[in-house]
Each structure stands twice: as C-alpha cells, then as structure tokens.
C-alpha cells in the first residue's frame, strides 16, 4: 500500500495545516512532503521528506542539489525529483525579482541584498554594472561578463556603452568572488582604477565597486578607495 498525505491523521496533514495556519507555519519537511505528494510502500510521504532532508549536510545544500543526486535517494524517482527541482528554481527566480528600477540607493549593503541572490551557488565570476540617475535611483543594470572561476575579462567600452545608452550619470560595479573571500585582488584594484579614470573623462563617475559573496561584501567606497 502507498501512503499519501490524505492517509495521515488530520492534524499531521501538511496541506490542512497550510490552509488553516499559513505556509509559514510548516516545517521544511512538511513543505517538501507537499511537493512530493505521496510516499511509498515502506514509508509515509512525511517520513520520506524527513529522510530526504537528513541526506543533506545542511538544508542550504538544496540550492545545489541535482537531478542525479535526487534519484539516487531511495523513494525519489523522476517525477518527485523534477517537482523538487522545479520548486527550488521557482524560489530562486522569486529571489531574483527584486524591484530594481527606480529604487534609490543609499548604501552598499542595499546593493548587496539586491545582487546576492544572483550569485548563489555560482561557480563563475559575474560582473554587473548598475546605472543611476542624478537622484541615485537605479535606471537599470546589465550583466557585463560571466567568466571562469579563475579569470574574468571585460572591456571598459562595454560598460560605458550601456551607460550612454541608458542615459546614466553614475555607475556602480558589482562582481562576485566564488571563493567566498571578498578581499580585492590586484586585478580588481587595477580594473577599478581604470573604470574610475574613464568615468571621470566620460563624466559618468564610478561611485562604488562592490565585491560580493554568499555571506559577505566589500565596498570600495566604504573603504575610501574611490
């Protein structure tokens, strides 16, 4: 016999709990049980969800779990694996829908919060350029470059072409360090100085360069390096 959520006692049914108390009241395992929908001949869907979570070192590891990882787990076959991965990706995309346009920037931490979701579990360096108007409101941003883990190359021309196209009067650079260490490298320092000098000539000043990781950030402006 296959156990489904409806076979559980009423007060243990995640769907009923969600309807009566809200999704925020559910544990991680209960949310996963809803995604899985049913268990198997040996265990209920709730027990399957608990066992699935226990296979991970931390719950955060769901961010990097793959289809092949999931189907190796007893009781997780194609349909369940696909449902889990689709749910994770939907959550990731929701994090990336931060309302950027017309947001007024006041400090580097605000920019870090905006861009952190865009580099979660990313093994490559990404360089973003944020374009501002005279009020420090965001006009738009562009992904300038996606490089290898050890090498990131871009030409200043690309950045300032976007700035002119969007009528920007100020510029912020953001890039990630996949290693997690946000200390600027020699290449970071050299590149920042180059963009700063070109920005002065173009009258589109670079007002900050922010290096980010999943847990920290470094602001050139905050460290009086611009």
Protein backbone atom coordinates (compact mmCIF):
# COMPACT_ATOMS: atom_id res chain seq x y z
CA UNK A 1 0.00 0.00 0.00
CA UNK A 2 1.26 3.51 -0.89
CA UNK A 3 0.80 6.12 1.82
CA UNK A 4 -0.36 9.55 0.72
CA UNK A 5 -0.78 12.79 2.61
CA UNK A 6 -4.52 12.11 2.96
CA UNK A 7 -3.73 8.87 4.82
CA UNK A 8 -2.11 10.81 7.66
CA UNK A 9 -4.10 11.96 10.73
CA UNK A 10 -5.83 15.27 10.10
CA UNK A 11 -3.60 17.26 12.44
CA UNK A 12 -0.49 15.89 10.70
CA UNK A 13 -1.54 16.71 7.15
CA UNK A 14 0.71 19.48 5.81
CA UNK A 15 -1.91 20.69 3.32
CA UNK A 16 -4.56 21.10 6.00
CA UNK A 17 -2.07 22.87 8.25
CA UNK A 18 -1.11 25.21 5.41
CA UNK A 19 -4.76 26.11 4.75
CA UNK A 20 -5.57 26.75 8.39
CA UNK A 21 -2.33 28.34 9.64
CA UNK A 22 -0.48 29.53 6.52
CA UNK A 23 2.56 28.20 4.67
CA UNK A 24 4.95 29.90 7.12
CA UNK A 25 3.73 27.57 9.89
CA UNK A 26 5.02 24.47 8.11
CA UNK A 27 8.40 22.91 8.77
CA UNK A 28 10.84 22.35 5.91
CA UNK A 29 9.94 18.68 5.92
CA UNK A 30 6.21 19.43 5.71
CA UNK A 31 6.71 21.76 2.75
CA UNK A 32 8.74 19.08 0.99
CA UNK A 33 6.04 16.49 1.76
CA UNK A 34 3.52 18.64 -0.11
CA UNK A 35 5.86 18.80 -3.10
CA UNK A 36 6.44 15.02 -3.02
CA UNK A 37 2.66 14.36 -2.77
CA UNK A 38 2.89 10.68 -1.79
CA UNK A 39 5.15 8.23 -0.06
CA UNK A 40 5.81 4.59 -0.93
CA UNK A 41 5.11 1.08 0.31
CA UNK A 42 7.60 1.43 3.14
CA UNK A 43 7.02 4.93 4.48
CA UNK A 44 4.64 7.84 4.52
CA UNK A 45 5.33 10.93 2.48
CA UNK A 46 6.17 12.80 5.67
CA UNK A 47 8.78 10.19 6.64
CA UNK A 48 10.18 10.28 3.10
CA UNK A 49 10.52 14.06 3.34
CA UNK A 50 12.32 13.78 6.69
CA UNK A 51 14.71 11.18 5.30
CA UNK A 52 15.37 13.32 2.23
CA UNK A 53 16.37 16.30 4.38
CA UNK A 54 18.62 14.07 6.52
CA UNK A 55 20.62 13.03 3.46
CA UNK A 56 21.95 16.61 3.23
CA UNK A 57 24.68 18.08 5.40
CA UNK A 58 22.67 21.30 5.72
CA UNK A 59 19.30 22.42 4.39
CA UNK A 60 21.16 25.03 2.33
CA UNK A 61 22.52 22.15 0.20
CA UNK A 62 19.15 22.03 -1.58
CA UNK A 63 20.41 25.06 -3.52
CA UNK A 64 22.98 22.94 -5.32
CA UNK A 65 21.25 19.55 -5.46
CA UNK A 66 20.95 17.98 -8.91
CA UNK A 67 18.59 15.57 -10.63
CA UNK A 68 21.22 12.83 -10.42
CA UNK A 69 21.64 13.46 -6.67
CA UNK A 70 17.92 13.15 -6.07
CA UNK A 71 17.20 9.95 -8.00
CA UNK A 72 19.97 8.20 -6.05
CA UNK A 73 17.83 8.61 -2.92
CA UNK A 74 15.57 5.66 -2.23
CA UNK A 75 11.95 6.62 -2.87
CA UNK A 76 12.79 9.59 -5.11
CA UNK A 77 12.16 8.83 -8.75
CA UNK A 78 11.84 11.01 -11.84
CA UNK A 79 8.53 12.75 -11.05
CA UNK A 80 9.48 13.62 -7.48
CA UNK A 81 12.97 14.78 -8.46
CA UNK A 82 11.55 17.04 -11.16
CA UNK A 83 8.98 18.53 -8.76
CA UNK A 84 11.66 19.29 -6.18
CA UNK A 85 14.00 20.90 -8.71
CA UNK A 86 11.18 22.96 -10.23
CA UNK A 87 10.21 24.25 -6.77
CA UNK A 88 13.80 25.18 -5.94
CA UNK A 89 14.20 27.02 -9.24
CA UNK A 90 10.94 28.91 -8.73
CA UNK A 91 12.13 30.08 -5.32
CA UNK A 92 15.45 31.12 -6.81
CA UNK A 93 13.71 33.15 -9.52
CA UNK A 94 11.47 34.87 -6.97
CA UNK A 95 14.59 35.98 -5.10
CA UNK A 96 15.88 37.44 -8.34
CA UNK A 97 12.79 39.58 -8.95
CA UNK A 98 13.86 42.35 -6.57
CA UNK A 99 12.18 45.55 -7.84
CA UNK A 100 15.30 47.32 -9.08
CA UNK A 101 14.13 50.06 -11.42
CA UNK A 102 13.63 53.46 -9.71
CA UNK A 103 14.96 52.12 -6.41
CA UNK A 104 17.01 54.80 -4.68
CA UNK A 105 20.42 53.64 -3.49
CA UNK A 106 21.79 54.95 -0.19
CA UNK A 107 24.50 52.42 0.73
CA UNK A 108 26.46 49.38 -0.43
CA UNK A 109 24.54 46.94 1.76
CA UNK A 110 21.33 47.67 -0.14
CA UNK A 111 23.07 46.77 -3.39
CA UNK A 112 24.49 43.61 -1.80
CA UNK A 113 20.98 42.49 -0.79
CA UNK A 114 19.77 43.05 -4.37
CA UNK A 115 22.55 41.12 -6.06
CA UNK A 116 23.32 38.34 -3.59
CA UNK A 117 20.55 36.08 -4.99
CA UNK A 118 22.05 36.42 -8.45
CA UNK A 119 25.31 34.75 -7.41
CA UNK A 120 24.03 32.00 -5.11
CA UNK A 121 25.82 28.71 -5.92
CA UNK A 122 27.51 30.34 -8.91
CA UNK A 123 30.99 28.95 -9.58
CA UNK A 124 31.93 31.64 -12.10
CA UNK A 125 32.67 35.31 -11.65
CA UNK A 126 29.86 37.61 -12.74
CA UNK A 127 30.31 41.31 -13.35
CA UNK A 128 27.27 43.57 -13.14
CA UNK A 129 27.00 47.29 -13.85
CA UNK A 130 24.34 49.34 -12.10
CA UNK A 131 23.32 52.57 -13.81
CA UNK A 132 21.96 55.50 -11.79
CA UNK A 133 20.32 58.86 -12.44
CA UNK A 134 21.08 62.16 -10.67
CA UNK A 135 18.94 61.13 -7.66
CA UNK A 136 20.86 57.87 -7.16
CA UNK A 137 17.83 55.99 -8.45
CA UNK A 138 18.50 52.84 -10.44
CA UNK A 139 17.76 53.17 -14.15
CA UNK A 140 18.71 49.57 -14.93
CA UNK A 141 21.53 47.09 -14.59
CA UNK A 142 23.39 44.87 -17.04
CA UNK A 143 25.28 41.62 -16.70
CA UNK A 144 28.54 42.64 -18.32
CA UNK A 145 30.51 39.45 -18.07
CA UNK A 146 30.35 35.83 -16.88
CA UNK A 147 33.81 34.30 -16.62
CA UNK A 148 35.59 31.22 -15.40
CA UNK A 149 36.30 30.66 -11.75
CA UNK A 150 39.85 31.93 -12.13
CA UNK A 151 39.56 34.51 -14.88
CA UNK A 152 37.24 37.40 -15.65
CA UNK A 153 37.93 39.78 -18.52
CA UNK A 154 35.84 42.59 -19.88
CA UNK A 155 36.50 45.80 -21.75
CA UNK A 156 35.51 49.19 -20.25
CA UNK A 157 33.91 50.08 -23.59
CA UNK A 158 31.05 47.65 -22.93
CA UNK A 159 30.25 49.25 -19.59
CA UNK A 160 30.21 52.82 -20.84
CA UNK A 161 28.27 51.90 -23.99
CA UNK A 162 25.50 50.65 -21.71
CA UNK A 163 25.80 53.76 -19.52
CA UNK A 164 25.37 56.09 -22.50
CA UNK A 165 22.56 54.00 -23.95
CA UNK A 166 20.63 54.28 -20.68
CA UNK A 167 21.45 57.97 -20.06
CA UNK A 168 23.18 57.11 -16.80
CA UNK A 169 25.06 59.78 -14.87
CA UNK A 170 26.59 57.46 -12.25
CA UNK A 171 27.86 53.91 -12.23
CA UNK A 172 28.30 51.09 -9.71
CA UNK A 173 30.15 47.85 -10.43
CA UNK A 174 29.29 44.60 -8.65
CA UNK A 175 31.08 41.31 -9.04
CA UNK A 176 31.32 38.10 -7.07
CA UNK A 177 34.22 36.07 -5.77
CA UNK A 178 33.17 32.38 -5.95
CA UNK A 179 35.82 31.52 -3.34
CA UNK A 180 33.86 33.49 -0.74
CA UNK A 181 36.81 35.79 0.06
CA UNK A 182 35.72 39.32 -0.86
CA UNK A 183 39.17 40.87 -0.45
CA UNK A 184 40.01 42.79 -3.66
CA UNK A 185 42.68 41.15 -5.81
CA UNK A 186 45.41 43.07 -7.64
CA UNK A 187 43.35 42.66 -10.81
CA UNK A 188 40.28 44.09 -9.03
CA UNK A 189 42.25 47.13 -7.90
CA UNK A 190 43.71 47.72 -11.36
CA UNK A 191 40.35 47.30 -13.12
CA UNK A 192 38.56 49.58 -10.65
CA UNK A 193 41.13 52.33 -11.12
CA UNK A 194 40.80 52.03 -14.90
CA UNK A 195 37.00 52.36 -14.78
CA UNK A 196 37.27 55.22 -12.28
CA UNK A 197 39.61 57.16 -14.58
CA UNK A 198 37.48 56.56 -17.69
CA UNK A 199 34.35 57.52 -15.74
CA UNK A 200 35.88 60.87 -14.86
CA UNK A 201 36.70 61.52 -18.52
CA UNK A 202 33.22 60.44 -19.63
CA UNK A 203 31.57 62.39 -16.78
CA UNK A 204 29.87 59.18 -15.67
CA UNK A 205 31.67 58.63 -12.36
CA UNK A 206 32.16 55.23 -10.77
CA UNK A 207 30.76 55.76 -7.29
CA UNK A 208 31.37 52.26 -5.94
CA UNK A 209 32.68 48.82 -6.79
CA UNK A 210 31.23 46.10 -4.58
CA UNK A 211 32.70 42.61 -4.35
CA UNK A 212 30.18 40.10 -3.05
CA UNK A 213 29.92 36.51 -1.88
CA UNK A 214 27.07 34.50 -0.42
CA UNK A 215 27.93 35.69 3.10
CA UNK A 216 29.78 39.00 2.83
CA UNK A 217 30.63 42.04 0.70
CA UNK A 218 33.39 44.61 0.24
CA UNK A 219 32.71 48.19 -0.82
CA UNK A 220 35.49 50.27 -2.36
CA UNK A 221 33.58 53.42 -1.38
CA UNK A 222 33.16 52.36 2.25
CA UNK A 223 36.89 51.63 2.45
CA UNK A 224 37.73 55.08 0.98
CA UNK A 225 39.26 53.51 -2.14
CA UNK A 226 37.23 55.65 -4.56
